[in-house]
Amino acid sequence: MTQANIGTTICTRGYTATVRPPTSYTEPLKREEMVAYGLQGQPLAAEELDHLIALELGGAPRDVANLWPEPWTGDANAHMKDAVENFLNREVCRGTMALAEAQRQIATDWSAVYRSRGLQPAP
């Protein structure tokens, strides 16, 4: 993913559906990652297998290093991160932020973006 091709990728409606891995790939990986993160015994539904660098920001769809279990509830949850992903995607697609900067922000401290922008959890 590059700044040059965002118009035909992440800024195109429906793009993430074309690259999102199927559950036949993500479900077994989610189980493995939950064990690796010490979450064995937790219900699978309590966590989302999330992309650290979101698909809507050009994240690698199947790279295990880009996938991790993220809780749906709590202080830093999947709904909150989804709001950051949507915000950063809008900024990149409007041309007010470079793709590389959005990727850096989501990967280093997405919760700081959430707090500093006064975002609300994604519905």
N, C-alpha and C. Protein backbone atom coordinates (compact mmCIF):
# COMPACT_ATOMS: atom_id res chain seq x y z
N MET A 1 0.85 -1.17 0.00
CA MET A 1 0.00 0.00 0.00
C MET A 1 0.90 1.23 0.00
N THR A 2 0.59 2.16 -0.88
CA THR A 2 1.36 3.39 -0.95
C THR A 2 0.42 4.58 -1.05
N GLN A 3 0.97 5.75 -0.81
CA GLN A 3 0.20 6.98 -0.95
C GLN A 3 -0.34 7.09 -2.38
N ALA A 4 0.42 6.61 -3.33
CA ALA A 4 0.05 6.73 -4.74
C ALA A 4 -1.17 5.91 -5.13
N ASN A 5 -1.45 4.82 -4.41
CA ASN A 5 -2.58 3.98 -4.85
C ASN A 5 -3.77 4.00 -3.90
N ILE A 6 -3.82 4.96 -2.96
CA ILE A 6 -4.94 4.98 -2.02
C ILE A 6 -6.28 5.23 -2.71
N GLY A 7 -6.26 5.93 -3.83
CA GLY A 7 -7.51 6.22 -4.54
C GLY A 7 -8.19 4.98 -5.10
N THR A 8 -7.41 3.95 -5.37
CA THR A 8 -7.98 2.71 -5.91
C THR A 8 -8.01 1.59 -4.87
N THR A 9 -7.59 1.91 -3.64
CA THR A 9 -7.58 0.89 -2.59
C THR A 9 -8.36 1.39 -1.39
N ILE A 10 -7.68 1.88 -0.37
CA ILE A 10 -8.34 2.19 0.90
C ILE A 10 -9.38 3.30 0.81
N CYS A 11 -9.30 4.13 -0.21
CA CYS A 11 -10.28 5.22 -0.35
C CYS A 11 -11.43 4.84 -1.28
N THR A 12 -11.50 3.58 -1.64
CA THR A 12 -12.59 3.06 -2.47
C THR A 12 -13.55 2.29 -1.58
N ARG A 13 -14.80 2.69 -1.60
CA ARG A 13 -15.83 2.04 -0.77
C ARG A 13 -15.83 0.53 -1.05
N GLY A 14 -15.82 -0.26 0.01
CA GLY A 14 -15.88 -1.71 -0.12
C GLY A 14 -14.52 -2.38 -0.25
N TYR A 15 -13.45 -1.58 -0.24
CA TYR A 15 -12.11 -2.15 -0.42
C TYR A 15 -11.78 -3.22 0.62
N THR A 16 -12.04 -2.94 1.90
CA THR A 16 -11.62 -3.88 2.94
C THR A 16 -12.27 -5.26 2.77
N ALA A 17 -13.48 -5.28 2.26
CA ALA A 17 -14.15 -6.57 2.04
C ALA A 17 -13.40 -7.42 1.01
N THR A 18 -12.67 -6.78 0.12
CA THR A 18 -11.95 -7.53 -0.92
C THR A 18 -10.64 -8.12 -0.40
N VAL A 19 -10.14 -7.62 0.74
CA VAL A 19 -8.86 -8.11 1.26
C VAL A 19 -8.98 -8.78 2.64
N ARG A 20 -10.13 -8.66 3.28
CA ARG A 20 -10.30 -9.24 4.62
C ARG A 20 -10.18 -10.76 4.54
N PRO A 21 -9.34 -11.36 5.41
CA PRO A 21 -9.20 -12.82 5.39
C PRO A 21 -10.49 -13.51 5.83
N PRO A 22 -10.76 -14.69 5.31
CA PRO A 22 -11.97 -15.42 5.69
C PRO A 22 -11.86 -15.96 7.12
N THR A 23 -13.01 -16.25 7.72
CA THR A 23 -13.00 -16.77 9.09
C THR A 23 -12.30 -18.13 9.16
N SER A 24 -12.24 -18.85 8.06
CA SER A 24 -11.51 -20.13 8.07
C SER A 24 -10.02 -19.90 8.36
N TYR A 25 -9.52 -18.72 8.08
CA TYR A 25 -8.15 -18.34 8.41
C TYR A 25 -8.08 -17.69 9.79
N THR A 26 -9.00 -16.76 10.07
CA THR A 26 -8.89 -15.97 11.29
C THR A 26 -9.32 -16.71 12.56
N GLU A 27 -10.29 -17.60 12.46
CA GLU A 27 -10.79 -18.28 13.66
C GLU A 27 -9.70 -19.12 14.34
N PRO A 28 -9.01 -20.01 13.62
CA PRO A 28 -7.93 -20.77 14.28
C PRO A 28 -6.80 -19.85 14.78
N LEU A 29 -6.49 -18.83 14.02
CA LEU A 29 -5.45 -17.89 14.43
C LEU A 29 -5.87 -17.14 15.70
N LYS A 30 -7.12 -16.77 15.77
CA LYS A 30 -7.63 -16.08 16.97
C LYS A 30 -7.44 -16.96 18.20
N ARG A 31 -7.74 -18.23 18.08
CA ARG A 31 -7.56 -19.16 19.21
C ARG A 31 -6.08 -19.20 19.63
N GLU A 32 -5.19 -19.32 18.66
CA GLU A 32 -3.75 -19.36 18.94
C GLU A 32 -3.28 -18.07 19.60
N GLU A 33 -3.71 -16.95 19.06
CA GLU A 33 -3.28 -15.65 19.59
C GLU A 33 -3.83 -15.42 20.99
N MET A 34 -5.04 -15.88 21.26
CA MET A 34 -5.59 -15.71 22.61
C MET A 34 -4.76 -16.49 23.62
N VAL A 35 -4.30 -17.67 23.25
CA VAL A 35 -3.42 -18.43 24.14
C VAL A 35 -2.10 -17.69 24.31
N ALA A 36 -1.54 -17.20 23.21
CA ALA A 36 -0.26 -16.49 23.27
C ALA A 36 -0.34 -15.24 24.13
N TYR A 37 -1.49 -14.60 24.17
CA TYR A 37 -1.69 -13.39 24.97
C TYR A 37 -2.22 -13.70 26.38
N GLY A 38 -2.27 -14.98 26.74
CA GLY A 38 -2.72 -15.36 28.07
C GLY A 38 -4.22 -15.24 28.27
N LEU A 39 -4.97 -15.35 27.20
CA LEU A 39 -6.42 -15.18 27.28
C LEU A 39 -7.18 -16.50 27.14
N GLN A 40 -6.46 -17.62 27.30
CA GLN A 40 -7.15 -18.91 27.21
C GLN A 40 -8.22 -18.97 28.29
N GLY A 41 -9.33 -19.58 27.96
CA GLY A 41 -10.46 -19.65 28.88
C GLY A 41 -11.45 -18.51 28.70
N GLN A 42 -11.03 -17.44 28.06
CA GLN A 42 -11.95 -16.34 27.75
C GLN A 42 -12.82 -16.77 26.57
N PRO A 43 -14.07 -16.34 26.54
CA PRO A 43 -14.90 -16.65 25.37
C PRO A 43 -14.32 -15.99 24.11
N LEU A 44 -14.34 -16.70 23.01
CA LEU A 44 -13.85 -16.13 21.75
C LEU A 44 -14.57 -14.83 21.42
N ALA A 45 -15.85 -14.76 21.74
CA ALA A 45 -16.64 -13.58 21.41
C ALA A 45 -16.24 -12.34 22.22
N ALA A 46 -15.45 -12.52 23.28
CA ALA A 46 -15.02 -11.39 24.10
C ALA A 46 -13.91 -10.58 23.44
N GLU A 47 -13.30 -11.16 22.41
CA GLU A 47 -12.16 -10.54 21.73
C GLU A 47 -12.41 -10.48 20.23
N GLU A 48 -11.84 -9.46 19.64
CA GLU A 48 -11.81 -9.37 18.18
C GLU A 48 -10.38 -9.66 17.74
N LEU A 49 -10.20 -10.43 16.69
CA LEU A 49 -8.87 -10.58 16.11
C LEU A 49 -8.71 -9.37 15.20
N ASP A 50 -7.93 -8.41 15.67
CA ASP A 50 -7.85 -7.11 15.02
C ASP A 50 -6.52 -6.93 14.31
N HIS A 51 -6.54 -6.11 13.29
CA HIS A 51 -5.32 -5.71 12.59
C HIS A 51 -4.75 -4.49 13.31
N LEU A 52 -3.51 -4.57 13.75
CA LEU A 52 -2.89 -3.42 14.39
C LEU A 52 -2.94 -2.23 13.45
N ILE A 53 -2.40 -2.41 12.24
CA ILE A 53 -2.59 -1.40 11.19
C ILE A 53 -3.80 -1.88 10.40
N ALA A 54 -4.87 -1.15 10.55
CA ALA A 54 -6.17 -1.54 10.00
C ALA A 54 -6.13 -1.71 8.49
N LEU A 55 -7.01 -2.55 8.00
CA LEU A 55 -7.12 -2.75 6.55
C LEU A 55 -7.44 -1.44 5.85
N GLU A 56 -8.24 -0.58 6.48
CA GLU A 56 -8.58 0.70 5.86
C GLU A 56 -7.44 1.70 5.90
N LEU A 57 -6.30 1.27 6.49
CA LEU A 57 -5.08 2.08 6.45
C LEU A 57 -3.95 1.31 5.76
N GLY A 58 -4.33 0.29 5.02
CA GLY A 58 -3.35 -0.46 4.23
C GLY A 58 -2.61 -1.54 4.98
N GLY A 59 -3.14 -1.96 6.12
CA GLY A 59 -2.50 -3.02 6.90
C GLY A 59 -2.50 -4.35 6.17
N ALA A 60 -1.51 -5.17 6.50
CA ALA A 60 -1.37 -6.49 5.88
C ALA A 60 -2.49 -7.42 6.38
N PRO A 61 -3.32 -7.92 5.48
CA PRO A 61 -4.50 -8.68 5.88
C PRO A 61 -4.20 -9.98 6.62
N ARG A 62 -3.16 -10.73 6.20
CA ARG A 62 -2.90 -12.05 6.77
C ARG A 62 -1.61 -12.15 7.57
N ASP A 63 -0.92 -11.06 7.74
CA ASP A 63 0.34 -11.08 8.47
C ASP A 63 0.07 -11.25 9.96
N VAL A 64 0.54 -12.35 10.52
CA VAL A 64 0.31 -12.65 11.94
C VAL A 64 0.85 -11.53 12.82
N ALA A 65 1.92 -10.89 12.41
CA ALA A 65 2.50 -9.79 13.19
C ALA A 65 1.56 -8.58 13.21
N ASN A 66 0.59 -8.54 12.32
CA ASN A 66 -0.36 -7.43 12.27
C ASN A 66 -1.71 -7.79 12.90
N LEU A 67 -1.81 -8.98 13.46
CA LEU A 67 -3.08 -9.45 14.03
C LEU A 67 -2.90 -9.76 15.51
N TRP A 68 -3.87 -9.33 16.31
CA TRP A 68 -3.80 -9.55 17.75
C TRP A 68 -5.21 -9.53 18.34
N PRO A 69 -5.41 -10.22 19.46
CA PRO A 69 -6.74 -10.20 20.08
C PRO A 69 -6.95 -8.87 20.82
N GLU A 70 -8.10 -8.28 20.59
CA GLU A 70 -8.43 -7.00 21.20
C GLU A 70 -9.80 -7.13 21.86
N PRO A 71 -9.93 -6.69 23.13
CA PRO A 71 -11.22 -6.85 23.82
C PRO A 71 -12.30 -5.93 23.25
N TRP A 72 -13.52 -6.40 23.34
CA TRP A 72 -14.67 -5.59 22.92
C TRP A 72 -15.10 -4.62 24.02
N THR A 73 -14.66 -4.86 25.25
CA THR A 73 -15.04 -4.01 26.37
C THR A 73 -13.79 -3.54 27.10
N GLY A 74 -13.96 -2.55 27.97
CA GLY A 74 -12.84 -2.07 28.77
C GLY A 74 -12.36 -0.70 28.33
N ASP A 75 -11.26 -0.27 28.94
CA ASP A 75 -10.74 1.08 28.73
C ASP A 75 -10.21 1.35 27.33
N ALA A 76 -9.64 0.37 26.70
CA ALA A 76 -9.12 0.52 25.33
C ALA A 76 -9.65 -0.67 24.53
N ASN A 77 -10.82 -0.50 23.94
CA ASN A 77 -11.49 -1.64 23.32
C ASN A 77 -11.62 -1.49 21.81
N ALA A 78 -12.10 -2.56 21.20
CA ALA A 78 -12.19 -2.63 19.74
C ALA A 78 -13.10 -1.55 19.16
N HIS A 79 -14.16 -1.21 19.86
CA HIS A 79 -15.06 -0.16 19.35
C HIS A 79 -14.34 1.19 19.28
N MET A 80 -13.53 1.46 20.29
CA MET A 80 -12.77 2.71 20.32
C MET A 80 -11.72 2.72 19.20
N LYS A 81 -11.02 1.61 19.02
CA LYS A 81 -10.00 1.55 17.97
C LYS A 81 -10.65 1.67 16.59
N ASP A 82 -11.83 1.07 16.43
CA ASP A 82 -12.55 1.20 15.16
C ASP A 82 -12.83 2.67 14.83
N ALA A 83 -13.17 3.45 15.85
CA ALA A 83 -13.43 4.88 15.63
C ALA A 83 -12.16 5.59 15.16
N VAL A 84 -11.01 5.20 15.72
CA VAL A 84 -9.73 5.78 15.29
C VAL A 84 -9.42 5.37 13.86
N GLU A 85 -9.63 4.11 13.54
CA GLU A 85 -9.38 3.63 12.18
C GLU A 85 -10.21 4.41 11.17
N ASN A 86 -11.49 4.61 11.47
CA ASN A 86 -12.37 5.35 10.57
C ASN A 86 -11.94 6.81 10.44
N PHE A 87 -11.58 7.42 11.56
CA PHE A 87 -11.12 8.81 11.55
C PHE A 87 -9.85 8.95 10.69
N LEU A 88 -8.87 8.11 10.94
CA LEU A 88 -7.61 8.20 10.19
C LEU A 88 -7.82 7.92 8.70
N ASN A 89 -8.68 6.98 8.37
CA ASN A 89 -8.99 6.71 6.97
C ASN A 89 -9.59 7.95 6.31
N ARG A 90 -10.52 8.60 6.99
CA ARG A 90 -11.11 9.83 6.44
C ARG A 90 -10.05 10.90 6.22
N GLU A 91 -9.15 11.07 7.18
CA GLU A 91 -8.09 12.07 7.05
C GLU A 91 -7.19 11.77 5.85
N VAL A 92 -6.81 10.52 5.70
CA VAL A 92 -5.95 10.13 4.57
C VAL A 92 -6.68 10.35 3.26
N CYS A 93 -7.92 9.93 3.19
CA CYS A 93 -8.67 10.03 1.94
C CYS A 93 -9.06 11.47 1.61
N ARG A 94 -9.14 12.34 2.58
CA ARG A 94 -9.37 13.77 2.34
C ARG A 94 -8.09 14.48 1.93
N GLY A 95 -6.95 13.84 2.14
CA GLY A 95 -5.67 14.44 1.81
C GLY A 95 -5.11 15.32 2.91
N THR A 96 -5.67 15.23 4.12
CA THR A 96 -5.17 16.05 5.22
C THR A 96 -4.12 15.34 6.06
N MET A 97 -3.88 14.06 5.76
CA MET A 97 -2.85 13.30 6.46
C MET A 97 -2.25 12.28 5.49
N ALA A 98 -0.95 12.12 5.55
CA ALA A 98 -0.28 11.12 4.72
C ALA A 98 -0.57 9.73 5.27
N LEU A 99 -0.64 8.76 4.38
CA LEU A 99 -0.88 7.38 4.77
C LEU A 99 0.15 6.92 5.79
N ALA A 100 1.42 7.19 5.55
CA ALA A 100 2.48 6.75 6.47
C ALA A 100 2.28 7.32 7.87
N GLU A 101 1.83 8.55 7.96
CA GLU A 101 1.58 9.17 9.26
C GLU A 101 0.40 8.50 9.96
N ALA A 102 -0.65 8.20 9.23
CA ALA A 102 -1.80 7.51 9.81
C ALA A 102 -1.39 6.13 10.31
N GLN A 103 -0.59 5.43 9.54
CA GLN A 103 -0.11 4.11 9.95
C GLN A 103 0.75 4.22 11.21
N ARG A 104 1.58 5.23 11.28
CA ARG A 104 2.42 5.43 12.45
C ARG A 104 1.57 5.69 13.69
N GLN A 105 0.56 6.54 13.54
CA GLN A 105 -0.29 6.88 14.68
C GLN A 105 -1.08 5.68 15.19
N ILE A 106 -1.62 4.88 14.28
CA ILE A 106 -2.42 3.73 14.72
C ILE A 106 -1.53 2.67 15.36
N ALA A 107 -0.30 2.52 14.86
CA ALA A 107 0.59 1.48 15.36
C ALA A 107 1.27 1.86 16.67
N THR A 108 1.51 3.14 16.90
CA THR A 108 2.27 3.52 18.09
C THR A 108 1.39 3.80 19.30
N ASP A 109 0.29 4.51 19.12
CA ASP A 109 -0.57 4.82 20.27
C ASP A 109 -1.95 5.27 19.79
N TRP A 110 -2.73 4.32 19.32
CA TRP A 110 -4.04 4.66 18.79
C TRP A 110 -4.94 5.29 19.86
N SER A 111 -4.76 4.88 21.12
CA SER A 111 -5.63 5.43 22.17
C SER A 111 -5.36 6.93 22.39
N ALA A 112 -4.14 7.38 22.14
CA ALA A 112 -3.85 8.82 22.24
C ALA A 112 -4.61 9.59 21.16
N VAL A 113 -4.71 9.01 19.97
CA VAL A 113 -5.49 9.63 18.90
C VAL A 113 -6.95 9.70 19.33
N TYR A 114 -7.45 8.62 19.89
CA TYR A 114 -8.84 8.57 20.34
C TYR A 114 -9.12 9.68 21.34
N ARG A 115 -8.25 9.81 22.34
CA ARG A 115 -8.45 10.81 23.39
C ARG A 115 -8.27 12.24 22.86
N SER A 116 -7.23 12.46 22.07
CA SER A 116 -6.92 13.82 21.63
C SER A 116 -7.93 14.36 20.64
N ARG A 117 -8.60 13.48 19.92
CA ARG A 117 -9.59 13.92 18.92
C ARG A 117 -11.01 13.90 19.45
N GLY A 118 -11.19 13.47 20.69
CA GLY A 118 -12.53 13.42 21.28
C GLY A 118 -13.45 12.50 20.52
N LEU A 119 -12.92 11.39 20.02
CA LEU A 119 -13.72 10.44 19.26
C LEU A 119 -14.67 9.66 20.17
N GLN A 120 -15.70 9.12 19.59
CA GLN A 120 -16.67 8.29 20.28
C GLN A 120 -16.57 6.88 19.72
N PRO A 121 -16.86 5.85 20.54
CA PRO A 121 -16.78 4.48 20.04
C PRO A 121 -17.62 4.30 18.77
N ALA A 122 -17.09 3.52 17.86
CA ALA A 122 -17.83 3.21 16.63
C ALA A 122 -19.05 2.39 17.00
N PRO A 123 -20.19 2.65 16.35
CA PRO A 123 -21.41 1.89 16.66
C PRO A 123 -21.31 0.45 16.22
